[in-house]
Amino acid sequence: QVQLVESGGGLVQPGGSLRLSCAASGPILSINAMGWYRQAPGKERELVATITTGGSTNYADSVKGRFTISRDNTKNALYLQMNSLKPEETAVYYCNAEGRLRMLTSFNSWGQGTQVTVSS
C-alpha cells in the first residue's frame, strides 16, 4: 500500500559523493521516523541514519560527519547526502518509513533498494 522508491545510487570513486533520494507514496496520513539502511554482500542489513518528523537525527558511528540525512515532510521524501565515500560502503541502500495510513492503521515499509558502488 505504501510504496518507497529510492534513486541516486551508482558508481563513485573513493572519496566521492552521492545523494540518495526516497519518495513515499500511497494512502499516507502521517510518517513518523524515516531511515536509511544498507546491506553489503554477505552481511546483515545495518542502520545508516534515521530522522524523525521533527528533524531529530541518529547516525551510525561509521558515517558521522560524512553523511547527512534530511527529509521534506511536504513531499514525503527522504534524502541522504554521502560524502567521502569508502570502498567498504559498497552496498544496497534501502529506505524505510513508518507511520499511519488514512484508515488509521500503521505501516512500516521498505523500498526496493539502490546500489551504491565505491570503487576506483
Protein backbone atom coordinates (compact mmCIF):
# COMPACT_ATOMS: atom_id res chain seq x y z
CA GLN A 1 0.00 0.00 0.00
CA VAL A 2 2.83 2.39 0.81
CA GLN A 3 5.47 2.44 -1.88
CA LEU A 4 9.00 3.71 -1.31
CA VAL A 5 11.17 4.34 -4.35
CA GLU A 6 14.88 5.05 -3.96
CA SER A 7 17.08 6.74 -6.54
CA GLY A 8 20.53 8.27 -6.81
CA GLY A 9 22.74 5.22 -6.43
CA GLY A 10 25.59 4.45 -8.77
CA LEU A 11 29.32 4.06 -9.15
CA VAL A 12 31.56 6.58 -7.42
CA GLN A 13 35.28 6.73 -6.74
CA PRO A 14 36.64 6.55 -3.19
CA GLY A 15 36.35 9.97 -1.59
CA GLY A 16 33.47 10.92 -3.84
CA SER A 17 29.90 11.91 -3.06
CA LEU A 18 26.40 10.71 -3.86
CA ARG A 19 22.94 11.91 -2.88
CA LEU A 20 20.23 9.31 -2.44
CA SER A 21 16.54 10.15 -2.58
CA CYS A 22 13.46 8.24 -1.47
CA ALA A 23 9.88 9.10 -2.36
CA ALA A 24 6.95 7.67 -0.42
CA SER A 25 3.51 7.33 -1.95
CA GLY A 26 0.17 5.78 -1.07
CA PRO A 27 -2.69 6.44 1.37
CA ILE A 28 -0.38 8.04 3.92
CA LEU A 29 -1.80 10.04 6.80
CA SER A 30 1.50 10.70 8.51
CA ILE A 31 5.07 9.47 8.53
CA ASN A 32 6.94 9.25 11.80
CA ALA A 33 10.51 8.03 11.53
CA MET A 34 12.30 7.53 8.23
CA GLY A 35 15.67 5.99 7.75
CA TRP A 36 18.40 4.65 5.51
CA TYR A 37 19.85 1.19 5.91
CA ARG A 38 22.41 -0.70 3.86
CA GLN A 39 23.34 -4.29 3.18
CA ALA A 40 26.66 -5.35 1.78
CA PRO A 41 27.16 -8.77 0.14
CA GLY A 42 27.32 -11.48 2.75
CA LYS A 43 26.47 -9.12 5.58
CA GLU A 44 23.37 -8.24 7.55
CA ARG A 45 21.38 -5.10 6.90
CA GLU A 46 22.60 -2.25 9.10
CA LEU A 47 21.32 1.14 10.10
CA VAL A 48 22.92 4.13 8.42
CA ALA A 49 20.80 7.03 9.68
CA THR A 50 17.31 7.86 10.86
CA ILE A 51 15.29 11.06 11.18
CA THR A 52 12.05 11.86 12.98
CA THR A 53 9.23 14.10 11.86
CA GLY A 54 10.68 16.87 13.96
CA GLY A 55 14.11 16.51 12.44
CA SER A 56 15.96 14.65 15.17
CA THR A 57 18.67 12.53 13.61
CA ASN A 58 20.65 9.44 14.52
CA TYR A 59 23.70 8.15 12.66
CA ALA A 60 25.81 5.04 12.70
CA ASP A 61 29.19 5.90 14.20
CA SER A 62 30.93 4.94 10.96
CA VAL A 63 29.17 7.66 8.94
CA LYS A 64 29.03 10.53 11.44
CA GLY A 65 30.48 13.71 9.98
CA ARG A 66 30.32 12.40 6.40
CA PHE A 67 26.65 11.56 5.79
CA THR A 68 23.67 13.86 6.26
CA ILE A 69 20.09 12.66 6.39
CA SER A 70 17.22 15.04 5.68
CA ARG A 71 13.55 14.91 4.77
CA ASP A 72 10.85 17.01 3.17
CA ASN A 73 7.63 16.35 5.04
CA THR A 74 5.55 18.19 2.43
CA LYS A 75 6.72 15.73 -0.24
CA ASN A 76 7.04 12.58 1.93
CA ALA A 77 10.64 12.49 0.72
CA LEU A 78 13.86 11.37 2.34
CA TYR A 79 17.44 12.16 1.35
CA LEU A 80 20.94 11.01 2.21
CA GLN A 81 23.96 13.08 1.27
CA MET A 82 27.02 10.86 1.36
CA ASN A 83 30.48 12.41 1.25
CA SER A 84 33.97 10.93 1.45
CA LEU A 85 32.69 7.52 0.47
CA LYS A 86 34.80 4.45 1.18
CA PRO A 87 35.02 1.17 -0.76
CA GLU A 88 33.70 -0.74 2.24
CA GLU A 89 30.49 1.26 1.96
CA THR A 90 29.58 -0.53 -1.24
CA ALA A 91 26.12 -1.91 -0.57
CA VAL A 92 22.47 -1.80 -1.47
CA TYR A 93 20.94 1.16 0.34
CA TYR A 94 17.34 0.86 1.50
CA CYS A 95 14.81 3.47 2.53
CA ASN A 96 12.45 2.75 5.43
CA ALA A 97 9.42 4.63 6.68
CA GLU A 98 6.88 4.01 9.40
CA GLY A 99 3.70 5.89 10.19
CA ARG A 100 -0.07 5.79 9.78
CA LEU A 101 -2.34 5.27 6.81
CA ARG A 102 -5.51 7.27 6.21
CA MET A 103 -7.53 4.35 7.57
CA LEU A 104 -5.51 4.84 10.78
CA THR A 105 -3.65 1.56 10.59
CA SER A 106 0.09 1.68 10.98
CA PHE A 107 2.64 0.83 8.35
CA ASN A 108 6.34 0.04 8.17
CA SER A 109 7.60 -0.13 4.61
CA TRP A 110 10.86 -0.69 2.75
CA GLY A 111 12.00 0.39 -0.66
CA GLN A 112 13.49 -1.96 -3.22
CA GLY A 113 16.98 -0.59 -2.65
CA THR A 114 19.53 1.27 -4.73
CA GLN A 115 23.04 0.03 -5.40
CA VAL A 116 25.98 2.15 -4.31
CA THR A 117 29.39 1.01 -5.52
CA VAL A 118 32.53 2.77 -4.33
CA SER A 119 35.45 1.75 -6.47
CA SER A 120 38.29 3.19 -8.49
